Amino acid sequence: MKEEGVALERRRRVLIFADESNITSSAKAMQRNLDWLRLQEYLVRGRELIEMVVYAGLPPAMTDWQVERERKNKFIHWLRLNGFLVVTKDGSPGADGYYKANVDVLMAIDAVELSVEMRPDVVVLVTGDADFAHLALQLRRRGIRVEVASTLPTLGTGLRAAANETIDLAGLLSTFEAFL
């Protein structure tokens, strides 16, 4: 009987949506570089991956941000070469040398639309942002299992409560290369 459950789980189709800024911040808080390929493999867990969509904000298209923008574009190019579907949004300059490129709305709209079109059994939201709690509920109302992957200290309680399952990424992140 247990073998049937394992076989069923492996046939399940999974669609992953990742908030790049959120997960990168979690890795940085643990002083780790993020290994995107290992993260993807960990989240798929032997199931059939439909797509992993990464939402990334770009530094503003301004002279002051050119070096940072080129670095980010190289990273995005690497993600695409490695099979990730990447959605970007240009940011706006903010205070203290930071920029703001809120991709939350893009991610939420795409998650609903792609889930309706692609019909996954499972959607994994790679974020701890509690703003995605309503998205999790909308997906569950459509009969889709929702897993949220984040580190527990950065996981909003509303999102945690809205998901079928939470995946604490702290253990995985701790195995990634430390940065100086």
N, C-alpha and C. Protein backbone atom coordinates (compact mmCIF):
# COMPACT_ATOMS: atom_id res chain seq x y z
N MET A 1 0.82 -1.19 0.00
CA MET A 1 0.00 0.00 0.00
C MET A 1 0.86 1.26 0.00
N LYS A 2 1.95 1.24 0.78
CA LYS A 2 2.82 2.40 0.83
C LYS A 2 3.47 2.68 -0.52
N GLU A 3 3.82 1.64 -1.27
CA GLU A 3 4.43 1.79 -2.59
C GLU A 3 3.47 2.50 -3.54
N GLU A 4 2.17 2.22 -3.44
CA GLU A 4 1.19 2.89 -4.28
C GLU A 4 1.17 4.38 -3.97
N GLY A 5 1.27 4.75 -2.71
CA GLY A 5 1.30 6.16 -2.31
C GLY A 5 2.52 6.87 -2.85
N VAL A 6 3.67 6.23 -2.81
CA VAL A 6 4.90 6.80 -3.35
C VAL A 6 4.78 6.96 -4.86
N ALA A 7 4.24 5.95 -5.54
CA ALA A 7 4.07 6.02 -6.99
C ALA A 7 3.11 7.14 -7.37
N LEU A 8 2.03 7.30 -6.62
CA LEU A 8 1.07 8.37 -6.88
C LEU A 8 1.72 9.73 -6.68
N GLU A 9 2.50 9.88 -5.63
CA GLU A 9 3.18 11.15 -5.36
C GLU A 9 4.12 11.51 -6.50
N ARG A 10 4.81 10.54 -7.05
CA ARG A 10 5.76 10.81 -8.14
C ARG A 10 5.04 11.20 -9.43
N ARG A 11 3.82 10.78 -9.61
CA ARG A 11 3.06 11.15 -10.80
C ARG A 11 2.47 12.55 -10.67
N ARG A 12 2.46 13.09 -9.49
CA ARG A 12 1.87 14.40 -9.27
C ARG A 12 2.66 15.45 -10.02
N ARG A 13 1.95 16.38 -10.62
CA ARG A 13 2.57 17.47 -11.39
C ARG A 13 2.68 18.70 -10.50
N VAL A 14 3.87 19.30 -10.51
CA VAL A 14 4.14 20.43 -9.62
C VAL A 14 4.55 21.67 -10.43
N LEU A 15 4.03 22.79 -10.01
CA LEU A 15 4.32 24.10 -10.59
C LEU A 15 4.87 24.97 -9.46
N ILE A 16 6.06 25.56 -9.68
CA ILE A 16 6.74 26.31 -8.62
C ILE A 16 6.83 27.78 -9.01
N PHE A 17 6.49 28.65 -8.06
CA PHE A 17 6.60 30.10 -8.24
C PHE A 17 7.52 30.63 -7.15
N ALA A 18 8.62 31.28 -7.56
CA ALA A 18 9.62 31.74 -6.59
C ALA A 18 9.79 33.25 -6.64
N ASP A 19 9.68 33.86 -5.47
CA ASP A 19 9.96 35.28 -5.28
C ASP A 19 11.48 35.38 -5.04
N GLU A 20 12.23 35.72 -6.07
CA GLU A 20 13.69 35.70 -6.02
C GLU A 20 14.24 36.55 -4.88
N SER A 21 13.73 37.73 -4.72
CA SER A 21 14.22 38.63 -3.67
C SER A 21 13.99 38.03 -2.28
N ASN A 22 12.83 37.45 -2.08
CA ASN A 22 12.49 36.89 -0.77
C ASN A 22 13.39 35.71 -0.41
N ILE A 23 13.56 34.78 -1.33
CA ILE A 23 14.37 33.59 -1.02
C ILE A 23 15.86 33.95 -0.96
N THR A 24 16.29 34.88 -1.78
CA THR A 24 17.69 35.32 -1.73
C THR A 24 17.99 35.99 -0.40
N SER A 25 17.05 36.79 0.09
CA SER A 25 17.22 37.43 1.40
C SER A 25 17.32 36.41 2.52
N SER A 26 16.52 35.36 2.43
CA SER A 26 16.58 34.30 3.45
C SER A 26 17.94 33.62 3.44
N ALA A 27 18.47 33.35 2.25
CA ALA A 27 19.79 32.73 2.15
C ALA A 27 20.87 33.66 2.69
N LYS A 28 20.78 34.94 2.35
CA LYS A 28 21.76 35.91 2.84
C LYS A 28 21.73 36.03 4.36
N ALA A 29 20.53 35.96 4.93
CA ALA A 29 20.40 36.03 6.39
C ALA A 29 21.12 34.87 7.05
N MET A 30 21.23 33.75 6.32
CA MET A 30 21.95 32.59 6.84
C MET A 30 23.39 32.56 6.35
N GLN A 31 23.80 33.64 5.67
CA GLN A 31 25.15 33.79 5.11
C GLN A 31 25.48 32.65 4.15
N ARG A 32 24.53 32.37 3.26
CA ARG A 32 24.69 31.29 2.28
C ARG A 32 24.40 31.81 0.88
N ASN A 33 25.12 31.25 -0.09
CA ASN A 33 24.79 31.47 -1.49
C ASN A 33 23.66 30.54 -1.85
N LEU A 34 22.76 30.98 -2.69
CA LEU A 34 21.62 30.17 -3.06
C LEU A 34 21.96 29.28 -4.25
N ASP A 35 21.74 28.00 -4.11
CA ASP A 35 21.96 27.03 -5.18
C ASP A 35 20.59 26.73 -5.79
N TRP A 36 20.29 27.42 -6.89
CA TRP A 36 18.97 27.33 -7.49
C TRP A 36 18.63 25.94 -8.01
N LEU A 37 19.61 25.24 -8.55
CA LEU A 37 19.35 23.89 -9.07
C LEU A 37 19.02 22.92 -7.95
N ARG A 38 19.75 23.00 -6.85
CA ARG A 38 19.46 22.12 -5.70
C ARG A 38 18.13 22.49 -5.06
N LEU A 39 17.82 23.79 -5.01
CA LEU A 39 16.53 24.23 -4.47
C LEU A 39 15.39 23.63 -5.30
N GLN A 40 15.51 23.71 -6.60
CA GLN A 40 14.48 23.16 -7.48
C GLN A 40 14.31 21.66 -7.26
N GLU A 41 15.40 20.95 -7.25
CA GLU A 41 15.36 19.50 -7.04
C GLU A 41 14.71 19.16 -5.70
N TYR A 42 15.05 19.90 -4.67
CA TYR A 42 14.51 19.68 -3.33
C TYR A 42 12.99 19.88 -3.32
N LEU A 43 12.52 20.90 -4.01
CA LEU A 43 11.09 21.21 -4.02
C LEU A 43 10.29 20.25 -4.89
N VAL A 44 10.88 19.76 -5.95
CA VAL A 44 10.18 18.84 -6.84
C VAL A 44 9.97 17.49 -6.15
N ARG A 45 10.96 17.04 -5.38
CA ARG A 45 10.85 15.80 -4.60
C ARG A 45 10.43 14.60 -5.43
N GLY A 46 10.98 14.45 -6.62
CA GLY A 46 10.68 13.29 -7.44
C GLY A 46 9.38 13.39 -8.22
N ARG A 47 8.65 14.47 -8.05
CA ARG A 47 7.40 14.63 -8.80
C ARG A 47 7.72 15.17 -10.20
N GLU A 48 6.72 15.29 -11.02
CA GLU A 48 6.91 15.83 -12.37
C GLU A 48 6.86 17.35 -12.32
N LEU A 49 7.96 18.00 -12.69
CA LEU A 49 8.01 19.46 -12.72
C LEU A 49 7.40 19.97 -14.01
N ILE A 50 6.38 20.79 -13.89
CA ILE A 50 5.81 21.45 -15.06
C ILE A 50 6.69 22.65 -15.41
N GLU A 51 6.94 23.49 -14.41
CA GLU A 51 7.73 24.70 -14.62
C GLU A 51 8.11 25.29 -13.27
N MET A 52 9.28 25.94 -13.23
CA MET A 52 9.65 26.76 -12.08
C MET A 52 9.80 28.18 -12.59
N VAL A 53 8.93 29.04 -12.12
CA VAL A 53 8.91 30.43 -12.56
C VAL A 53 9.54 31.28 -11.46
N VAL A 54 10.56 32.05 -11.83
CA VAL A 54 11.27 32.91 -10.88
C VAL A 54 10.94 34.36 -11.21
N TYR A 55 10.50 35.10 -10.21
CA TYR A 55 10.14 36.52 -10.35
C TYR A 55 11.25 37.35 -9.76
N ALA A 56 11.86 38.19 -10.61
CA ALA A 56 13.04 38.97 -10.19
C ALA A 56 12.88 40.44 -10.56
N GLY A 57 13.18 41.28 -9.60
CA GLY A 57 13.19 42.71 -9.85
C GLY A 57 14.56 43.13 -10.36
N LEU A 58 14.56 44.03 -11.33
CA LEU A 58 15.81 44.54 -11.89
C LEU A 58 16.10 45.93 -11.33
N PRO A 59 17.37 46.24 -11.13
CA PRO A 59 17.71 47.62 -10.75
C PRO A 59 17.22 48.58 -11.83
N PRO A 60 16.95 49.82 -11.44
CA PRO A 60 16.44 50.80 -12.42
C PRO A 60 17.38 50.93 -13.63
N ALA A 61 16.79 51.21 -14.79
CA ALA A 61 17.56 51.40 -16.02
C ALA A 61 18.11 52.83 -16.03
N MET A 62 19.02 53.08 -15.11
CA MET A 62 19.63 54.40 -14.95
C MET A 62 21.14 54.23 -14.82
N THR A 63 21.87 55.24 -15.18
CA THR A 63 23.33 55.20 -15.14
C THR A 63 23.86 54.76 -13.78
N ASP A 64 23.32 55.29 -12.71
CA ASP A 64 23.79 54.96 -11.36
C ASP A 64 23.63 53.48 -11.03
N TRP A 65 22.75 52.80 -11.70
CA TRP A 65 22.45 51.41 -11.41
C TRP A 65 22.99 50.45 -12.47
N GLN A 66 23.74 50.95 -13.44
CA GLN A 66 24.16 50.15 -14.58
C GLN A 66 24.95 48.89 -14.19
N VAL A 67 25.93 49.02 -13.30
CA VAL A 67 26.76 47.88 -12.91
C VAL A 67 25.92 46.80 -12.23
N GLU A 68 25.08 47.21 -11.31
CA GLU A 68 24.20 46.27 -10.60
C GLU A 68 23.20 45.63 -11.56
N ARG A 69 22.69 46.41 -12.51
CA ARG A 69 21.73 45.89 -13.49
C ARG A 69 22.39 44.84 -14.39
N GLU A 70 23.61 45.10 -14.82
CA GLU A 70 24.34 44.13 -15.66
C GLU A 70 24.60 42.83 -14.89
N ARG A 71 24.97 42.94 -13.62
CA ARG A 71 25.20 41.76 -12.79
C ARG A 71 23.91 40.95 -12.65
N LYS A 72 22.82 41.63 -12.41
CA LYS A 72 21.52 40.95 -12.25
C LYS A 72 21.09 40.30 -13.57
N ASN A 73 21.32 40.97 -14.68
CA ASN A 73 20.97 40.40 -15.99
C ASN A 73 21.79 39.15 -16.29
N LYS A 74 23.06 39.10 -15.87
CA LYS A 74 23.87 37.90 -16.04
C LYS A 74 23.28 36.74 -15.23
N PHE A 75 22.85 37.03 -14.02
CA PHE A 75 22.22 36.02 -13.17
C PHE A 75 20.93 35.50 -13.82
N ILE A 76 20.12 36.41 -14.34
CA ILE A 76 18.86 36.03 -14.99
C ILE A 76 19.14 35.18 -16.23
N HIS A 77 20.17 35.55 -16.97
CA HIS A 77 20.57 34.77 -18.14
C HIS A 77 20.96 33.35 -17.71
N TRP A 78 21.71 33.22 -16.61
CA TRP A 78 22.08 31.90 -16.09
C TRP A 78 20.84 31.09 -15.74
N LEU A 79 19.89 31.72 -15.05
CA LEU A 79 18.65 31.02 -14.69
C LEU A 79 17.96 30.48 -15.94
N ARG A 80 17.84 31.33 -16.95
CA ARG A 80 17.16 30.92 -18.19
C ARG A 80 17.90 29.79 -18.88
N LEU A 81 19.23 29.86 -18.92
CA LEU A 81 20.02 28.80 -19.54
C LEU A 81 19.86 27.47 -18.82
N ASN A 82 19.49 27.53 -17.55
CA ASN A 82 19.33 26.33 -16.73
C ASN A 82 17.87 25.90 -16.61
N GLY A 83 17.03 26.40 -17.50
CA GLY A 83 15.66 25.90 -17.60
C GLY A 83 14.61 26.60 -16.77
N PHE A 84 14.97 27.65 -16.07
CA PHE A 84 13.99 28.38 -15.28
C PHE A 84 13.26 29.38 -16.18
N LEU A 85 11.99 29.55 -15.95
CA LEU A 85 11.22 30.58 -16.62
C LEU A 85 11.33 31.82 -15.73
N VAL A 86 11.84 32.92 -16.26
CA VAL A 86 12.10 34.10 -15.45
C VAL A 86 11.22 35.26 -15.91
N VAL A 87 10.56 35.88 -14.96
CA VAL A 87 9.76 37.07 -15.20
C VAL A 87 10.43 38.21 -14.45
N THR A 88 10.72 39.30 -15.17
CA THR A 88 11.41 40.43 -14.56
C THR A 88 10.53 41.67 -14.56
N LYS A 89 10.90 42.57 -13.68
CA LYS A 89 10.22 43.87 -13.60
C LYS A 89 11.28 44.91 -13.26
N ASP A 90 11.27 46.01 -13.99
CA ASP A 90 12.20 47.11 -13.69
C ASP A 90 11.83 47.76 -12.37
N GLY A 91 12.86 48.03 -11.59
CA GLY A 91 12.65 48.66 -10.30
C GLY A 91 12.72 50.18 -10.39
N SER A 92 12.38 50.79 -9.28
CA SER A 92 12.46 52.24 -9.13
C SER A 92 13.43 52.55 -8.01
N PRO A 93 14.18 53.65 -8.14
CA PRO A 93 15.12 53.99 -7.07
C PRO A 93 14.40 54.25 -5.75
N GLY A 94 15.01 53.79 -4.68
CA GLY A 94 14.45 54.00 -3.35
C GLY A 94 15.44 54.74 -2.48
N ALA A 95 15.20 54.72 -1.21
CA ALA A 95 16.06 55.43 -0.26
C ALA A 95 17.32 54.62 0.05
N ASP A 96 18.35 55.29 0.46
CA ASP A 96 19.59 54.68 0.95
C ASP A 96 20.26 53.72 -0.03
N GLY A 97 20.20 54.02 -1.33
CA GLY A 97 20.89 53.20 -2.31
C GLY A 97 20.21 51.89 -2.65
N TYR A 98 18.96 51.72 -2.28
CA TYR A 98 18.20 50.52 -2.61
C TYR A 98 17.22 50.83 -3.72
N TYR A 99 16.68 49.77 -4.32
CA TYR A 99 15.63 49.96 -5.32
C TYR A 99 14.46 49.07 -4.97
N LYS A 100 13.30 49.40 -5.50
CA LYS A 100 12.08 48.64 -5.22
C LYS A 100 11.50 48.14 -6.54
N ALA A 101 11.31 46.85 -6.64
CA ALA A 101 10.70 46.24 -7.83
C ALA A 101 9.73 45.17 -7.37
N ASN A 102 8.57 45.58 -6.96
CA ASN A 102 7.59 44.67 -6.38
C ASN A 102 7.00 43.76 -7.45
N VAL A 103 7.31 42.47 -7.35
CA VAL A 103 6.84 41.49 -8.34
C VAL A 103 5.65 40.67 -7.81
N ASP A 104 5.17 41.01 -6.63
CA ASP A 104 4.12 40.21 -5.99
C ASP A 104 2.85 40.09 -6.85
N VAL A 105 2.41 41.20 -7.43
CA VAL A 105 1.18 41.16 -8.22
C VAL A 105 1.38 40.29 -9.46
N LEU A 106 2.53 40.43 -10.12
CA LEU A 106 2.82 39.59 -11.29
C LEU A 106 2.78 38.11 -10.91
N MET A 107 3.41 37.78 -9.80
CA MET A 107 3.49 36.39 -9.36
C MET A 107 2.09 35.85 -9.04
N ALA A 108 1.28 36.64 -8.37
CA ALA A 108 -0.06 36.19 -7.99
C ALA A 108 -0.95 35.97 -9.21
N ILE A 109 -0.93 36.91 -10.14
CA ILE A 109 -1.76 36.77 -11.35
C ILE A 109 -1.31 35.56 -12.16
N ASP A 110 0.00 35.43 -12.36
CA ASP A 110 0.52 34.29 -13.12
C ASP A 110 0.21 32.97 -12.44
N ALA A 111 0.30 32.93 -11.12
CA ALA A 111 0.05 31.67 -10.41
C ALA A 111 -1.38 31.19 -10.65
N VAL A 112 -2.33 32.10 -10.62
CA VAL A 112 -3.72 31.70 -10.87
C VAL A 112 -3.90 31.31 -12.34
N GLU A 113 -3.44 32.17 -13.25
CA GLU A 113 -3.64 31.89 -14.68
C GLU A 113 -2.94 30.60 -15.12
N LEU A 114 -1.68 30.44 -14.76
CA LEU A 114 -0.94 29.25 -15.18
C LEU A 114 -1.50 27.99 -14.52
N SER A 115 -1.97 28.12 -13.30
CA SER A 115 -2.55 26.96 -12.63
C SER A 115 -3.84 26.51 -13.31
N VAL A 116 -4.63 27.45 -13.76
CA VAL A 116 -5.85 27.11 -14.48
C VAL A 116 -5.50 26.46 -15.82
N GLU A 117 -4.50 27.01 -16.52
CA GLU A 117 -4.12 26.48 -17.83
C GLU A 117 -3.37 25.15 -17.76
N MET A 118 -2.43 25.03 -16.82
CA MET A 118 -1.53 23.87 -16.77
C MET A 118 -2.03 22.75 -15.87
N ARG A 119 -2.98 23.04 -15.02
CA ARG A 119 -3.61 22.05 -14.14
C ARG A 119 -2.63 21.23 -13.30
N PRO A 120 -1.81 21.89 -12.49
CA PRO A 120 -0.90 21.14 -11.61
C PRO A 120 -1.68 20.50 -10.46
N ASP A 121 -1.10 19.46 -9.91
CA ASP A 121 -1.66 18.87 -8.69
C ASP A 121 -1.20 19.67 -7.47
N VAL A 122 0.03 20.22 -7.58
CA VAL A 122 0.66 20.94 -6.48
C VAL A 122 1.26 22.24 -7.00
N VAL A 123 1.07 23.31 -6.24
CA VAL A 123 1.78 24.57 -6.48
C VAL A 123 2.64 24.84 -5.26
N VAL A 124 3.91 25.14 -5.51
CA VAL A 124 4.83 25.51 -4.44
C VAL A 124 5.10 26.99 -4.58
N LEU A 125 4.83 27.73 -3.51
CA LEU A 125 5.14 29.16 -3.45
C LEU A 125 6.41 29.32 -2.64
N VAL A 126 7.46 29.80 -3.29
CA VAL A 126 8.75 29.97 -2.61
C VAL A 126 8.83 31.42 -2.15
N THR A 127 8.29 31.65 -0.98
CA THR A 127 8.23 32.98 -0.37
C THR A 127 7.70 32.83 1.04
N GLY A 128 8.02 33.78 1.87
CA GLY A 128 7.44 33.81 3.20
C GLY A 128 6.47 34.97 3.36
N ASP A 129 6.29 35.73 2.29
CA ASP A 129 5.49 36.95 2.30
C ASP A 129 4.01 36.63 2.55
N ALA A 130 3.49 37.12 3.66
CA ALA A 130 2.10 36.85 4.04
C ALA A 130 1.10 37.43 3.04
N ASP A 131 1.54 38.35 2.17
CA ASP A 131 0.65 38.90 1.16
C ASP A 131 0.15 37.82 0.20
N PHE A 132 0.83 36.68 0.15
CA PHE A 132 0.43 35.60 -0.74
C PHE A 132 -0.59 34.65 -0.11
N ALA A 133 -1.06 34.95 1.08
CA ALA A 133 -2.03 34.06 1.75
C ALA A 133 -3.31 33.93 0.93
N HIS A 134 -3.81 35.01 0.39
CA HIS A 134 -5.05 34.94 -0.40
C HIS A 134 -4.82 34.12 -1.68
N LEU A 135 -3.66 34.24 -2.28
CA LEU A 135 -3.33 33.42 -3.45
C LEU A 135 -3.39 31.94 -3.09
N ALA A 136 -2.79 31.57 -1.97
CA ALA A 136 -2.81 30.18 -1.54
C ALA A 136 -4.26 29.69 -1.39
N LEU A 137 -5.10 30.50 -0.80
CA LEU A 137 -6.51 30.12 -0.63
C LEU A 137 -7.22 29.98 -1.98
N GLN A 138 -6.93 30.89 -2.91
CA GLN A 138 -7.55 30.82 -4.24
C GLN A 138 -7.15 29.53 -4.96
N LEU A 139 -5.90 29.15 -4.85
CA LEU A 139 -5.44 27.92 -5.49
C LEU A 139 -6.08 26.69 -4.84
N ARG A 140 -6.15 26.71 -3.52
CA ARG A 140 -6.77 25.58 -2.82
C ARG A 140 -8.24 25.44 -3.19
N ARG A 141 -8.93 26.56 -3.39
CA ARG A 141 -10.34 26.52 -3.79
C ARG A 141 -10.51 25.87 -5.16
N ARG A 142 -9.45 25.84 -5.93
CA ARG A 142 -9.48 25.21 -7.25
C ARG A 142 -9.01 23.75 -7.19
N GLY A 143 -8.84 23.24 -5.98
CA GLY A 143 -8.47 21.85 -5.80
C GLY A 143 -6.98 21.57 -5.94
N ILE A 144 -6.18 22.62 -5.84
CA ILE A 144 -4.73 22.49 -5.99
C ILE A 144 -4.08 22.49 -4.60
N ARG A 145 -3.22 21.52 -4.37
CA ARG A 145 -2.47 21.47 -3.11
C ARG A 145 -1.43 22.59 -3.14
N VAL A 146 -1.33 23.34 -2.05
CA VAL A 146 -0.39 24.47 -1.97
C VAL A 146 0.64 24.20 -0.88
N GLU A 147 1.90 24.22 -1.30
CA GLU A 147 3.02 24.11 -0.38
C GLU A 147 3.76 25.44 -0.39
N VAL A 148 4.14 25.90 0.77
CA VAL A 148 4.90 27.14 0.89
C VAL A 148 6.29 26.79 1.40
N ALA A 149 7.31 27.25 0.66
CA ALA A 149 8.70 26.97 1.02
C ALA A 149 9.37 28.27 1.43
N SER A 150 9.88 28.27 2.66
CA SER A 150 10.50 29.46 3.23
C SER A 150 11.27 29.04 4.46
N THR A 151 11.98 29.98 5.05
CA THR A 151 12.54 29.71 6.37
C THR A 151 11.49 30.14 7.39
N LEU A 152 11.36 29.40 8.46
CA LEU A 152 10.28 29.68 9.42
C LEU A 152 10.32 31.10 9.99
N PRO A 153 11.51 31.67 10.28
CA PRO A 153 11.49 33.05 10.80
C PRO A 153 10.95 34.08 9.82
N THR A 154 10.98 33.79 8.52
CA THR A 154 10.50 34.75 7.52
C THR A 154 9.13 34.39 6.97
N LEU A 155 8.51 33.35 7.50
CA LEU A 155 7.21 32.90 7.01
C LEU A 155 6.09 33.59 7.76
N GLY A 156 5.29 34.36 7.02
CA GLY A 156 4.15 35.05 7.62
C GLY A 156 3.10 34.06 8.10
N THR A 157 2.51 34.34 9.26
CA THR A 157 1.54 33.39 9.84
C THR A 157 0.31 33.21 8.96
N GLY A 158 -0.13 34.26 8.28
CA GLY A 158 -1.29 34.14 7.40
C GLY A 158 -1.03 33.20 6.23
N LEU A 159 0.17 33.28 5.68
CA LEU A 159 0.53 32.39 4.58
C LEU A 159 0.67 30.96 5.07
N ARG A 160 1.28 30.82 6.22
CA ARG A 160 1.44 29.48 6.80
C ARG A 160 0.08 28.81 7.02
N ALA A 161 -0.87 29.57 7.52
CA ALA A 161 -2.20 29.04 7.79
C ALA A 161 -2.98 28.74 6.51
N ALA A 162 -2.69 29.45 5.43
CA ALA A 162 -3.43 29.29 4.17
C ALA A 162 -2.94 28.09 3.35
N ALA A 163 -1.73 27.62 3.61
CA ALA A 163 -1.14 26.53 2.82
C ALA A 163 -1.53 25.16 3.36
N ASN A 164 -1.46 24.16 2.48
CA ASN A 164 -1.64 22.78 2.92
C ASN A 164 -0.44 22.30 3.71
N GLU A 165 0.74 22.76 3.31
CA GLU A 165 1.98 22.31 3.92
C GLU A 165 3.01 23.42 3.84
N THR A 166 3.87 23.48 4.87
CA THR A 166 5.00 24.40 4.82
C THR A 166 6.29 23.58 4.76
N ILE A 167 7.23 24.10 4.02
CA ILE A 167 8.53 23.45 3.87
C ILE A 167 9.57 24.41 4.42
N ASP A 168 10.18 24.04 5.53
CA ASP A 168 11.22 24.88 6.13
C ASP A 168 12.51 24.68 5.34
N LEU A 169 12.99 25.74 4.71
CA LEU A 169 14.18 25.65 3.88
C LEU A 169 15.48 25.85 4.64
N ALA A 170 15.40 26.10 5.95
CA ALA A 170 16.62 26.37 6.72
C ALA A 170 17.63 25.23 6.64
N GLY A 171 17.16 24.01 6.75
CA GLY A 171 18.08 22.86 6.68
C GLY A 171 18.76 22.77 5.34
N LEU A 172 18.03 22.96 4.26
CA LEU A 172 18.63 22.93 2.93
C LEU A 172 19.60 24.09 2.75
N LEU A 173 19.17 25.29 3.11
CA LEU A 173 20.05 26.46 2.93
C LEU A 173 21.35 26.31 3.70
N SER A 174 21.30 25.66 4.85
CA SER A 174 22.51 25.50 5.66
C SER A 174 23.55 24.61 4.98
N THR A 175 23.13 23.83 3.98
CA THR A 175 24.07 22.97 3.24
C THR A 175 24.71 23.69 2.06
N PHE A 176 24.23 24.88 1.73
CA PHE A 176 24.77 25.63 0.61
C PHE A 176 26.07 26.31 1.01
N GLU A 177 26.85 26.66 0.00
CA GLU A 177 28.16 27.31 0.21
C GLU A 177 27.99 28.63 0.98
N ALA A 178 28.84 28.79 2.00
CA ALA A 178 28.82 30.03 2.78
C ALA A 178 29.51 31.13 1.98
N PHE A 179 29.04 32.36 2.17
CA PHE A 179 29.71 33.47 1.50
C PHE A 179 30.41 34.31 2.56
N LEU A 180 31.41 35.03 2.11
CA LEU A 180 32.20 35.85 3.03
C LEU A 180 31.71 37.25 3.09
